[in-house]
Amino acid sequence: RNRKYYRRSLTRNRVRDLDQIQTALKNGTSLVPTDLEEKLELPAMGKFYCASCDRYFINELSFARHLKSKPHKRRIKALKAEIYTQKEAEAAAGLTTDNGQG
């Protein structure tokens, strides 16, 4: 077993995390590259892109199939949930930042 190959395959097809996608959608920033040279490297020049799943598709048929699939619907449901902040995570763990004041 070649560990180097195994480790590389784990990170190769990495998509954006839910919190990264939610903040991009909330801020209105586009996840699709606007540079023409970058678009040429994408499947179908980045025309068929699912912003919620951060995936590109080669044609309209595969994009339409993806929109009806269970993984896409699960991702949409997960994106509707509210993002937890660091402060909420610390409060849930019992950590406070008030330093005994108040």
PDB file of N, CA and C in Angstrom:
ATOM      1  N   ARG A   1       0.831  -1.203   0.000  1.00  0.00           N
ATOM      2  CA  ARG A   1       0.000   0.000   0.000  1.00  0.00           C
ATOM      3  C   ARG A   1       0.867   1.254   0.000  1.00  0.00           C
ATOM      4  N   ASN A   2       0.605   2.111  -0.906  1.00  0.00           N
ATOM      5  CA  ASN A   2       1.373   3.346  -0.988  1.00  0.00           C
ATOM      6  C   ASN A   2       0.610   4.449  -0.269  1.00  0.00           C
ATOM      7  N   ARG A   3       1.082   4.857   0.894  1.00  0.00           N
ATOM      8  CA  ARG A   3       0.382   5.851   1.709  1.00  0.00           C
ATOM      9  C   ARG A   3       0.317   7.220   1.037  1.00  0.00           C
ATOM     10  N   LYS A   4       1.346   7.548   0.292  1.00  0.00           N
ATOM     11  CA  LYS A   4       1.375   8.851  -0.363  1.00  0.00           C
ATOM     12  C   LYS A   4       0.224   8.961  -1.375  1.00  0.00           C
ATOM     13  N   TYR A   5       0.010   7.894  -2.135  1.00  0.00           N
ATOM     14  CA  TYR A   5      -1.071   7.878  -3.104  1.00  0.00           C
ATOM     15  C   TYR A   5      -2.421   7.940  -2.399  1.00  0.00           C
ATOM     16  N   TYR A   6      -2.575   7.198  -1.307  1.00  0.00           N
ATOM     17  CA  TYR A   6      -3.834   7.158  -0.570  1.00  0.00           C
ATOM     18  C   TYR A   6      -4.170   8.530   0.004  1.00  0.00           C
ATOM     19  N   ARG A   7      -3.211   9.199   0.598  1.00  0.00           N
ATOM     20  CA  ARG A   7      -3.434  10.512   1.193  1.00  0.00           C
ATOM     21  C   ARG A   7      -3.797  11.540   0.114  1.00  0.00           C
ATOM     22  N   ARG A   8      -3.163  11.459  -1.032  1.00  0.00           N
ATOM     23  CA  ARG A   8      -3.440  12.391  -2.105  1.00  0.00           C
ATOM     24  C   ARG A   8      -4.856  12.201  -2.641  1.00  0.00           C
ATOM     25  N   SER A   9      -5.329  10.979  -2.686  1.00  0.00           N
ATOM     26  CA  SER A   9      -6.672  10.729  -3.206  1.00  0.00           C
ATOM     27  C   SER A   9      -7.749  11.223  -2.250  1.00  0.00           C
ATOM     28  N   LEU A  10      -7.423  11.331  -0.978  1.00  0.00           N
ATOM     29  CA  LEU A  10      -8.408  11.832  -0.018  1.00  0.00           C
ATOM     30  C   LEU A  10      -8.690  13.314  -0.205  1.00  0.00           C
ATOM     31  N   THR A  11      -7.719  14.069  -0.640  1.00  0.00           N
ATOM     32  CA  THR A  11      -7.887  15.519  -0.745  1.00  0.00           C
ATOM     33  C   THR A  11      -8.052  16.004  -2.177  1.00  0.00           C
ATOM     34  N   ARG A  12      -7.978  15.146  -3.140  1.00  0.00           N
ATOM     35  CA  ARG A  12      -8.024  15.583  -4.532  1.00  0.00           C
ATOM     36  C   ARG A  12      -9.380  16.158  -4.933  1.00  0.00           C
ATOM     37  N   ASN A  13     -10.460  15.481  -4.606  1.00  0.00           N
ATOM     38  CA  ASN A  13     -11.788  15.905  -5.025  1.00  0.00           C
ATOM     39  C   ASN A  13     -12.503  16.657  -3.912  1.00  0.00           C
ATOM     40  N   ARG A  14     -11.806  17.513  -3.244  1.00  0.00           N
ATOM     41  CA  ARG A  14     -12.362  18.232  -2.102  1.00  0.00           C
ATOM     42  C   ARG A  14     -13.258  19.362  -2.591  1.00  0.00           C
ATOM     43  N   VAL A  15     -14.456  19.448  -2.029  1.00  0.00           N
ATOM     44  CA  VAL A  15     -15.367  20.544  -2.337  1.00  0.00           C
ATOM     45  C   VAL A  15     -15.394  21.500  -1.155  1.00  0.00           C
ATOM     46  N   ARG A  16     -15.996  22.634  -1.355  1.00  0.00           N
ATOM     47  CA  ARG A  16     -16.067  23.615  -0.276  1.00  0.00           C
ATOM     48  C   ARG A  16     -16.975  23.122   0.834  1.00  0.00           C
ATOM     49  N   ASP A  17     -16.673  23.557   2.037  1.00  0.00           N
ATOM     50  CA  ASP A  17     -17.492  23.184   3.184  1.00  0.00           C
ATOM     51  C   ASP A  17     -18.776  23.994   3.200  1.00  0.00           C
ATOM     52  N   LEU A  18     -19.738  23.542   3.991  1.00  0.00           N
ATOM     53  CA  LEU A  18     -21.046  24.195   4.063  1.00  0.00           C
ATOM     54  C   LEU A  18     -20.936  25.653   4.510  1.00  0.00           C
ATOM     55  N   ASP A  19     -20.084  25.922   5.496  1.00  0.00           N
ATOM     56  CA  ASP A  19     -19.984  27.294   5.983  1.00  0.00           C
ATOM     57  C   ASP A  19     -19.377  28.219   4.938  1.00  0.00           C
ATOM     58  N   GLN A  20     -18.448  27.728   4.132  1.00  0.00           N
ATOM     59  CA  GLN A  20     -17.868  28.538   3.066  1.00  0.00           C
ATOM     60  C   GLN A  20     -18.908  28.866   2.002  1.00  0.00           C
ATOM     61  N   ILE A  21     -19.739  27.889   1.656  1.00  0.00           N
ATOM     62  CA  ILE A  21     -20.773  28.108   0.641  1.00  0.00           C
ATOM     63  C   ILE A  21     -21.840  29.056   1.174  1.00  0.00           C
ATOM     64  N   GLN A  22     -22.243  28.874   2.439  1.00  0.00           N
ATOM     65  CA  GLN A  22     -23.274  29.739   3.016  1.00  0.00           C
ATOM     66  C   GLN A  22     -22.821  31.192   3.079  1.00  0.00           C
ATOM     67  N   THR A  23     -21.591  31.433   3.487  1.00  0.00           N
ATOM     68  CA  THR A  23     -21.115  32.820   3.551  1.00  0.00           C
ATOM     69  C   THR A  23     -20.994  33.424   2.157  1.00  0.00           C
ATOM     70  N   ALA A  24     -20.579  32.639   1.172  1.00  0.00           N
ATOM     71  CA  ALA A  24     -20.484  33.154  -0.197  1.00  0.00           C
ATOM     72  C   ALA A  24     -21.861  33.488  -0.750  1.00  0.00           C
ATOM     73  N   LEU A  25     -22.854  32.630  -0.472  1.00  0.00           N
ATOM     74  CA  LEU A  25     -24.209  32.898  -0.955  1.00  0.00           C
ATOM     75  C   LEU A  25     -24.829  34.089  -0.223  1.00  0.00           C
ATOM     76  N   LYS A  26     -24.532  34.220   1.060  1.00  0.00           N
ATOM     77  CA  LYS A  26     -25.077  35.332   1.844  1.00  0.00           C
ATOM     78  C   LYS A  26     -24.477  36.673   1.406  1.00  0.00           C
ATOM     79  N   ASN A  27     -23.172  36.679   1.129  1.00  0.00           N
ATOM     80  CA  ASN A  27     -22.498  37.916   0.724  1.00  0.00           C
ATOM     81  C   ASN A  27     -22.741  38.265  -0.734  1.00  0.00           C
ATOM     82  N   GLY A  28     -23.240  37.323  -1.495  1.00  0.00           N
ATOM     83  CA  GLY A  28     -23.497  37.567  -2.913  1.00  0.00           C
ATOM     84  C   GLY A  28     -22.260  37.423  -3.780  1.00  0.00           C
ATOM     85  N   THR A  29     -21.187  36.896  -3.217  1.00  0.00           N
ATOM     86  CA  THR A  29     -19.983  36.696  -4.010  1.00  0.00           C
ATOM     87  C   THR A  29     -20.149  35.444  -4.849  1.00  0.00           C
ATOM     88  N   SER A  30     -19.627  35.500  -6.055  1.00  0.00           N
ATOM     89  CA  SER A  30     -19.769  34.392  -6.984  1.00  0.00           C
ATOM     90  C   SER A  30     -18.690  33.348  -6.727  1.00  0.00           C
ATOM     91  N   LEU A  31     -19.069  32.092  -6.776  1.00  0.00           N
ATOM     92  CA  LEU A  31     -18.118  31.003  -6.623  1.00  0.00           C
ATOM     93  C   LEU A  31     -17.545  30.578  -7.969  1.00  0.00           C
ATOM     94  N   VAL A  32     -18.149  31.050  -9.058  1.00  0.00           N
ATOM     95  CA  VAL A  32     -17.710  30.699 -10.400  1.00  0.00           C
ATOM     96  C   VAL A  32     -16.624  31.677 -10.824  1.00  0.00           C
ATOM     97  N   PRO A  33     -15.496  31.196 -11.332  1.00  0.00           N
ATOM     98  CA  PRO A  33     -14.438  32.104 -11.764  1.00  0.00           C
ATOM     99  C   PRO A  33     -14.882  32.964 -12.949  1.00  0.00           C
ATOM    100  N   THR A  34     -14.441  34.203 -12.964  1.00  0.00           N
ATOM    101  CA  THR A  34     -14.818  35.120 -14.043  1.00  0.00           C
ATOM    102  C   THR A  34     -13.732  35.228 -15.098  1.00  0.00           C
ATOM    103  N   ASP A  35     -12.524  34.792 -14.808  1.00  0.00           N
ATOM    104  CA  ASP A  35     -11.411  34.862 -15.747  1.00  0.00           C
ATOM    105  C   ASP A  35     -11.617  33.836 -16.859  1.00  0.00           C
ATOM    106  N   LEU A  36     -11.422  34.245 -18.094  1.00  0.00           N
ATOM    107  CA  LEU A  36     -11.654  33.375 -19.243  1.00  0.00           C
ATOM    108  C   LEU A  36     -10.703  32.185 -19.255  1.00  0.00           C
ATOM    109  N   GLU A  37      -9.443  32.388 -18.884  1.00  0.00           N
ATOM    110  CA  GLU A  37      -8.478  31.285 -18.883  1.00  0.00           C
ATOM    111  C   GLU A  37      -8.863  30.203 -17.870  1.00  0.00           C
ATOM    112  N   GLU A  38      -9.396  30.616 -16.726  1.00  0.00           N
ATOM    113  CA  GLU A  38      -9.831  29.637 -15.730  1.00  0.00           C
ATOM    114  C   GLU A  38     -11.080  28.905 -16.205  1.00  0.00           C
ATOM    115  N   LYS A  39     -11.966  29.612 -16.912  1.00  0.00           N
ATOM    116  CA  LYS A  39     -13.190  28.983 -17.402  1.00  0.00           C
ATOM    117  C   LYS A  39     -12.901  27.930 -18.466  1.00  0.00           C
ATOM    118  N   LEU A  40     -11.852  28.125 -19.250  1.00  0.00           N
ATOM    119  CA  LEU A  40     -11.523  27.164 -20.291  1.00  0.00           C
ATOM    120  C   LEU A  40     -11.139  25.809 -19.717  1.00  0.00           C
ATOM    121  N   GLU A  41     -10.633  25.775 -18.504  1.00  0.00           N
ATOM    122  CA  GLU A  41     -10.227  24.522 -17.882  1.00  0.00           C
ATOM    123  C   GLU A  41     -11.409  23.770 -17.259  1.00  0.00           C
ATOM    124  N   LEU A  42     -12.535  24.427 -17.069  1.00  0.00           N
ATOM    125  CA  LEU A  42     -13.696  23.809 -16.424  1.00  0.00           C
ATOM    126  C   LEU A  42     -14.520  23.003 -17.422  1.00  0.00           C
ATOM    127  N   PRO A  43     -15.268  22.006 -16.943  1.00  0.00           N
ATOM    128  CA  PRO A  43     -16.169  21.275 -17.838  1.00  0.00           C
ATOM    129  C   PRO A  43     -17.239  22.211 -18.397  1.00  0.00           C
ATOM    130  N   ALA A  44     -17.443  22.166 -19.691  1.00  0.00           N
ATOM    131  CA  ALA A  44     -18.423  22.999 -20.406  1.00  0.00           C
ATOM    132  C   ALA A  44     -18.212  24.479 -20.110  1.00  0.00           C
ATOM    133  N   MET A  45     -16.970  24.867 -19.886  1.00  0.00           N
ATOM    134  CA  MET A  45     -16.571  26.260 -19.617  1.00  0.00           C
ATOM    135  C   MET A  45     -17.326  26.846 -18.422  1.00  0.00           C
ATOM    136  N   GLY A  46     -17.664  26.009 -17.466  1.00  0.00           N
ATOM    137  CA  GLY A  46     -18.306  26.483 -16.245  1.00  0.00           C
ATOM    138  C   GLY A  46     -19.759  26.874 -16.412  1.00  0.00           C
ATOM    139  N   LYS A  47     -20.373  26.444 -17.498  1.00  0.00           N
ATOM    140  CA  LYS A  47     -21.754  26.832 -17.781  1.00  0.00           C
ATOM    141  C   LYS A  47     -22.753  26.163 -16.841  1.00  0.00           C
ATOM    142  N   PHE A  48     -22.526  24.884 -16.537  1.00  0.00           N
ATOM    143  CA  PHE A  48     -23.447  24.126 -15.683  1.00  0.00           C
ATOM    144  C   PHE A  48     -22.799  23.941 -14.314  1.00  0.00           C
ATOM    145  N   TYR A  49     -23.157  24.813 -13.386  1.00  0.00           N
ATOM    146  CA  TYR A  49     -22.536  24.828 -12.062  1.00  0.00           C
ATOM    147  C   TYR A  49     -23.614  24.807 -10.991  1.00  0.00           C
ATOM    148  N   CYS A  50     -23.459  23.928 -10.013  1.00  0.00           N
ATOM    149  CA  CYS A  50     -24.370  23.874  -8.872  1.00  0.00           C
ATOM    150  C   CYS A  50     -23.670  24.570  -7.712  1.00  0.00           C
ATOM    151  N   ALA A  51     -24.163  25.735  -7.330  1.00  0.00           N
ATOM    152  CA  ALA A  51     -23.521  26.530  -6.280  1.00  0.00           C
ATOM    153  C   ALA A  51     -23.654  25.879  -4.921  1.00  0.00           C
ATOM    154  N   SER A  52     -24.753  25.192  -4.667  1.00  0.00           N
ATOM    155  CA  SER A  52     -24.942  24.588  -3.351  1.00  0.00           C
ATOM    156  C   SER A  52     -24.041  23.378  -3.138  1.00  0.00           C
ATOM    157  N   CYS A  53     -23.698  22.672  -4.188  1.00  0.00           N
ATOM    158  CA  CYS A  53     -22.831  21.500  -4.060  1.00  0.00           C
ATOM    159  C   CYS A  53     -21.397  21.787  -4.488  1.00  0.00           C
ATOM    160  N   ASP A  54     -21.161  22.942  -5.096  1.00  0.00           N
ATOM    161  CA  ASP A  54     -19.850  23.340  -5.589  1.00  0.00           C
ATOM    162  C   ASP A  54     -19.313  22.315  -6.585  1.00  0.00           C
ATOM    163  N   ARG A  55     -20.143  22.005  -7.583  1.00  0.00           N
ATOM    164  CA  ARG A  55     -19.777  21.032  -8.606  1.00  0.00           C
ATOM    165  C   ARG A  55     -20.079  21.574  -9.994  1.00  0.00           C
ATOM    166  N   TYR A  56     -19.236  21.188 -10.952  1.00  0.00           N
ATOM    167  CA  TYR A  56     -19.438  21.536 -12.356  1.00  0.00           C
ATOM    168  C   TYR A  56     -19.897  20.296 -13.103  1.00  0.00           C
ATOM    169  N   PHE A  57     -20.724  20.497 -14.138  1.00  0.00           N
ATOM    170  CA  PHE A  57     -21.240  19.384 -14.912  1.00  0.00           C
ATOM    171  C   PHE A  57     -20.941  19.595 -16.385  1.00  0.00           C
ATOM    172  N   ILE A  58     -20.795  18.499 -17.092  1.00  0.00           N
ATOM    173  CA  ILE A  58     -20.347  18.528 -18.478  1.00  0.00           C
ATOM    174  C   ILE A  58     -21.450  18.943 -19.450  1.00  0.00           C
ATOM    175  N   ASN A  59     -22.722  18.623 -19.123  1.00  0.00           N
ATOM    176  CA  ASN A  59     -23.812  19.008 -20.018  1.00  0.00           C
ATOM    177  C   ASN A  59     -25.086  19.256 -19.217  1.00  0.00           C
ATOM    178  N   GLU A  60     -26.105  19.704 -19.902  1.00  0.00           N
ATOM    179  CA  GLU A  60     -27.365  20.066 -19.247  1.00  0.00           C
ATOM    180  C   GLU A  60     -28.094  18.848 -18.684  1.00  0.00           C
ATOM    181  N   LEU A  61     -27.985  17.711 -19.349  1.00  0.00           N
ATOM    182  CA  LEU A  61     -28.651  16.503 -18.890  1.00  0.00           C
ATOM    183  C   LEU A  61     -28.098  16.034 -17.538  1.00  0.00           C
ATOM    184  N   SER A  62     -26.780  16.003 -17.415  1.00  0.00           N
ATOM    185  CA  SER A  62     -26.193  15.563 -16.141  1.00  0.00           C
ATOM    186  C   SER A  62     -26.480  16.583 -15.034  1.00  0.00           C
ATOM    187  N   PHE A  63     -26.554  17.858 -15.384  1.00  0.00           N
ATOM    188  CA  PHE A  63     -26.901  18.889 -14.402  1.00  0.00           C
ATOM    189  C   PHE A  63     -28.343  18.725 -13.933  1.00  0.00           C
ATOM    190  N   ALA A  64     -29.259  18.435 -14.865  1.00  0.00           N
ATOM    191  CA  ALA A  64     -30.663  18.232 -14.512  1.00  0.00           C
ATOM    192  C   ALA A  64     -30.834  16.979 -13.643  1.00  0.00           C
ATOM    193  N   ARG A  65     -30.080  15.928 -13.942  1.00  0.00           N
ATOM    194  CA  ARG A  65     -30.129  14.717 -13.117  1.00  0.00           C
ATOM    195  C   ARG A  65     -29.624  15.004 -11.707  1.00  0.00           C
ATOM    196  N   HIS A  66     -28.577  15.802 -11.632  1.00  0.00           N
ATOM    197  CA  HIS A  66     -28.021  16.142 -10.328  1.00  0.00           C
ATOM    198  C   HIS A  66     -29.037  16.912  -9.482  1.00  0.00           C
ATOM    199  N   LEU A  67     -29.773  17.822 -10.094  1.00  0.00           N
ATOM    200  CA  LEU A  67     -30.745  18.627  -9.349  1.00  0.00           C
ATOM    201  C   LEU A  67     -31.860  17.775  -8.756  1.00  0.00           C
ATOM    202  N   LYS A  68     -32.118  16.614  -9.347  1.00  0.00           N
ATOM    203  CA  LYS A  68     -33.164  15.718  -8.842  1.00  0.00           C
ATOM    204  C   LYS A  68     -32.617  14.659  -7.897  1.00  0.00           C
ATOM    205  N   SER A  69     -31.314  14.612  -7.698  1.00  0.00           N
ATOM    206  CA  SER A  69     -30.703  13.533  -6.920  1.00  0.00           C
ATOM    207  C   SER A  69     -30.814  13.767  -5.416  1.00  0.00           C
ATOM    208  N   LYS A  70     -30.691  12.673  -4.659  1.00  0.00           N
ATOM    209  CA  LYS A  70     -30.753  12.743  -3.205  1.00  0.00           C
ATOM    210  C   LYS A  70     -29.588  13.515  -2.592  1.00  0.00           C
ATOM    211  N   PRO A  71     -28.349  13.316  -3.049  1.00  0.00           N
ATOM    212  CA  PRO A  71     -27.250  14.078  -2.447  1.00  0.00           C
ATOM    213  C   PRO A  71     -27.433  15.599  -2.593  1.00  0.00           C
ATOM    214  N   HIS A  72     -27.975  16.038  -3.720  1.00  0.00           N
ATOM    215  CA  HIS A  72     -28.213  17.471  -3.910  1.00  0.00           C
ATOM    216  C   HIS A  72     -29.291  17.968  -2.948  1.00  0.00           C
ATOM    217  N   LYS A  73     -30.349  17.196  -2.808  1.00  0.00           N
ATOM    218  CA  LYS A  73     -31.437  17.600  -1.910  1.00  0.00           C
ATOM    219  C   LYS A  73     -30.972  17.619  -0.458  1.00  0.00           C
ATOM    220  N   ARG A  74     -30.109  16.670  -0.083  1.00  0.00           N
ATOM    221  CA  ARG A  74     -29.552  16.666   1.273  1.00  0.00           C
ATOM    222  C   ARG A  74     -28.665  17.889   1.499  1.00  0.00           C
ATOM    223  N   ARG A  75     -27.908  18.256   0.490  1.00  0.00           N
ATOM    224  CA  ARG A  75     -27.022  19.416   0.595  1.00  0.00           C
ATOM    225  C   ARG A  75     -27.834  20.701   0.739  1.00  0.00           C
ATOM    226  N   ILE A  76     -28.933  20.821   0.000  1.00  0.00           N
ATOM    227  CA  ILE A  76     -29.813  21.986   0.109  1.00  0.00           C
ATOM    228  C   ILE A  76     -30.389  22.081   1.517  1.00  0.00           C
ATOM    229  N   LYS A  77     -30.813  20.946   2.058  1.00  0.00           N
ATOM    230  CA  LYS A  77     -31.370  20.925   3.402  1.00  0.00           C
ATOM    231  C   LYS A  77     -30.318  21.327   4.434  1.00  0.00           C
ATOM    232  N   ALA A  78     -29.101  20.862   4.252  1.00  0.00           N
ATOM    233  CA  ALA A  78     -28.025  21.210   5.181  1.00  0.00           C
ATOM    234  C   ALA A  78     -27.659  22.688   5.081  1.00  0.00           C
ATOM    235  N   LEU A  79     -27.769  23.264   3.887  1.00  0.00           N
ATOM    236  CA  LEU A  79     -27.444  24.682   3.708  1.00  0.00           C
ATOM    237  C   LEU A  79     -28.501  25.597   4.322  1.00  0.00           C
ATOM    238  N   LYS A  80     -29.730  25.092   4.465  1.00  0.00           N
ATOM    239  CA  LYS A  80     -30.784  25.912   5.070  1.00  0.00           C
ATOM    240  C   LYS A  80     -30.607  26.059   6.572  1.00  0.00           C
ATOM    241  N   ALA A  81     -29.866  25.136   7.177  1.00  0.00           N
ATOM    242  CA  ALA A  81     -29.597  25.223   8.616  1.00  0.00           C
ATOM    243  C   ALA A  81     -28.668  26.404   8.885  1.00  0.00           C
ATOM    244  N   GLU A  82     -28.780  26.973  10.074  1.00  0.00           N
ATOM    245  CA  GLU A  82     -27.995  28.152  10.419  1.00  0.00           C
ATOM    246  C   GLU A  82     -26.552  27.768  10.751  1.00  0.00           C
ATOM    247  N   ILE A  83     -25.627  28.646  10.414  1.00  0.00           N
ATOM    248  CA  ILE A  83     -24.216  28.421  10.683  1.00  0.00           C
ATOM    249  C   ILE A  83     -23.945  28.641  12.170  1.00  0.00           C
ATOM    250  N   TYR A  84     -23.177  27.735  12.762  1.00  0.00           N
ATOM    251  CA  TYR A  84     -22.768  27.923  14.144  1.00  0.00           C
ATOM    252  C   TYR A  84     -21.513  28.783  14.181  1.00  0.00           C
ATOM    253  N   THR A  85     -21.503  29.768  15.073  1.00  0.00           N
ATOM    254  CA  THR A  85     -20.327  30.609  15.214  1.00  0.00           C
ATOM    255  C   THR A  85     -19.388  30.004  16.253  1.00  0.00           C
ATOM    256  N   GLN A  86     -18.188  30.532  16.315  1.00  0.00           N
ATOM    257  CA  GLN A  86     -17.221  30.052  17.298  1.00  0.00           C
ATOM    258  C   GLN A  86     -17.706  30.323  18.715  1.00  0.00           C
ATOM    259  N   LYS A  87     -18.365  31.457  18.895  1.00  0.00           N
ATOM    260  CA  LYS A  87     -18.878  31.821  20.214  1.00  0.00           C
ATOM    261  C   LYS A  87     -19.940  30.816  20.686  1.00  0.00           C
ATOM    262  N   GLU A  88     -20.836  30.398  19.788  1.00  0.00           N
ATOM    263  CA  GLU A  88     -21.853  29.407  20.130  1.00  0.00           C
ATOM    264  C   GLU A  88     -21.226  28.055  20.447  1.00  0.00           C
ATOM    265  N   ALA A  89     -20.168  27.692  19.723  1.00  0.00           N
ATOM    266  CA  ALA A  89     -19.500  26.419  19.970  1.00  0.00           C
ATOM    267  C   ALA A  89     -18.832  26.412  21.339  1.00  0.00           C
ATOM    268  N   GLU A  90     -18.206  27.520  21.693  1.00  0.00           N
ATOM    269  CA  GLU A  90     -17.562  27.615  23.006  1.00  0.00           C
ATOM    270  C   GLU A  90     -18.594  27.599  24.125  1.00  0.00           C
ATOM    271  N   ALA A  91     -19.729  28.253  23.925  1.00  0.00           N
ATOM    272  CA  ALA A  91     -20.785  28.263  24.931  1.00  0.00           C
ATOM    273  C   ALA A  91     -21.355  26.859  25.130  1.00  0.00           C
ATOM    274  N   ALA A  92     -21.485  26.094  24.052  1.00  0.00           N
ATOM    275  CA  ALA A  92     -22.002  24.740  24.155  1.00  0.00           C
ATOM    276  C   ALA A  92     -21.022  23.825  24.885  1.00  0.00           C
ATOM    277  N   ALA A  93     -19.734  24.111  24.751  1.00  0.00           N
ATOM    278  CA  ALA A  93     -18.714  23.305  25.421  1.00  0.00           C
ATOM    279  C   ALA A  93     -18.524  23.720  26.873  1.00  0.00           C
ATOM    280  N   GLY A  94     -19.163  24.808  27.278  1.00  0.00           N
ATOM    281  CA  GLY A  94     -19.038  25.277  28.652  1.00  0.00           C
ATOM    282  C   GLY A  94     -17.944  26.297  28.850  1.00  0.00           C
ATOM    283  N   LEU A  95     -17.338  26.745  27.772  1.00  0.00           N
ATOM    284  CA  LEU A  95     -16.310  27.766  27.864  1.00  0.00           C
ATOM    285  C   LEU A  95     -16.961  29.141  27.784  1.00  0.00           C
ATOM    286  N   THR A  96     -16.531  30.045  28.617  1.00  0.00           N
ATOM    287  CA  THR A  96     -17.056  31.404  28.565  1.00  0.00           C
ATOM    288  C   THR A  96     -15.914  32.368  28.356  1.00  0.00           C
ATOM    289  N   THR A  97     -16.246  33.536  27.826  1.00  0.00           N
ATOM    290  CA  THR A  97     -15.209  34.540  27.561  1.00  0.00           C
ATOM    291  C   THR A  97     -15.415  35.785  28.421  1.00  0.00           C
ATOM    292  N   ASP A  98     -16.250  35.701  29.435  1.00  0.00           N
ATOM    293  CA  ASP A  98     -16.512  36.891  30.246  1.00  0.00           C
ATOM    294  C   ASP A  98     -15.435  37.130  31.303  1.00  0.00           C
ATOM    295  N   ASN A  99     -14.553  36.160  31.565  1.00  0.00           N
ATOM    296  CA  ASN A  99     -13.453  36.278  32.540  1.00  0.00           C
ATOM    297  C   ASN A  99     -13.920  36.681  33.924  1.00  0.00           C
ATOM    298  N   GLY A 100     -15.086  36.268  34.319  1.00  0.00           N
ATOM    299  CA  GLY A 100     -15.585  36.530  35.660  1.00  0.00           C
ATOM    300  C   GLY A 100     -16.133  37.934  35.868  1.00  0.00           C
ATOM    301  N   GLN A 101     -16.231  38.716  34.834  1.00  0.00           N
ATOM    302  CA  GLN A 101     -16.764  40.075  34.960  1.00  0.00           C
ATOM    303  C   GLN A 101     -18.248  40.040  34.670  1.00  0.00           C
ATOM    304  N   GLY A 102     -18.990  40.860  35.382  1.00  0.00           N
ATOM    305  CA  GLY A 102     -20.385  40.998  35.025  1.00  0.00           C
ATOM    306  C   GLY A 102     -21.279  40.378  35.977  1.00  0.00           C
TER     307      GLY A 102
END
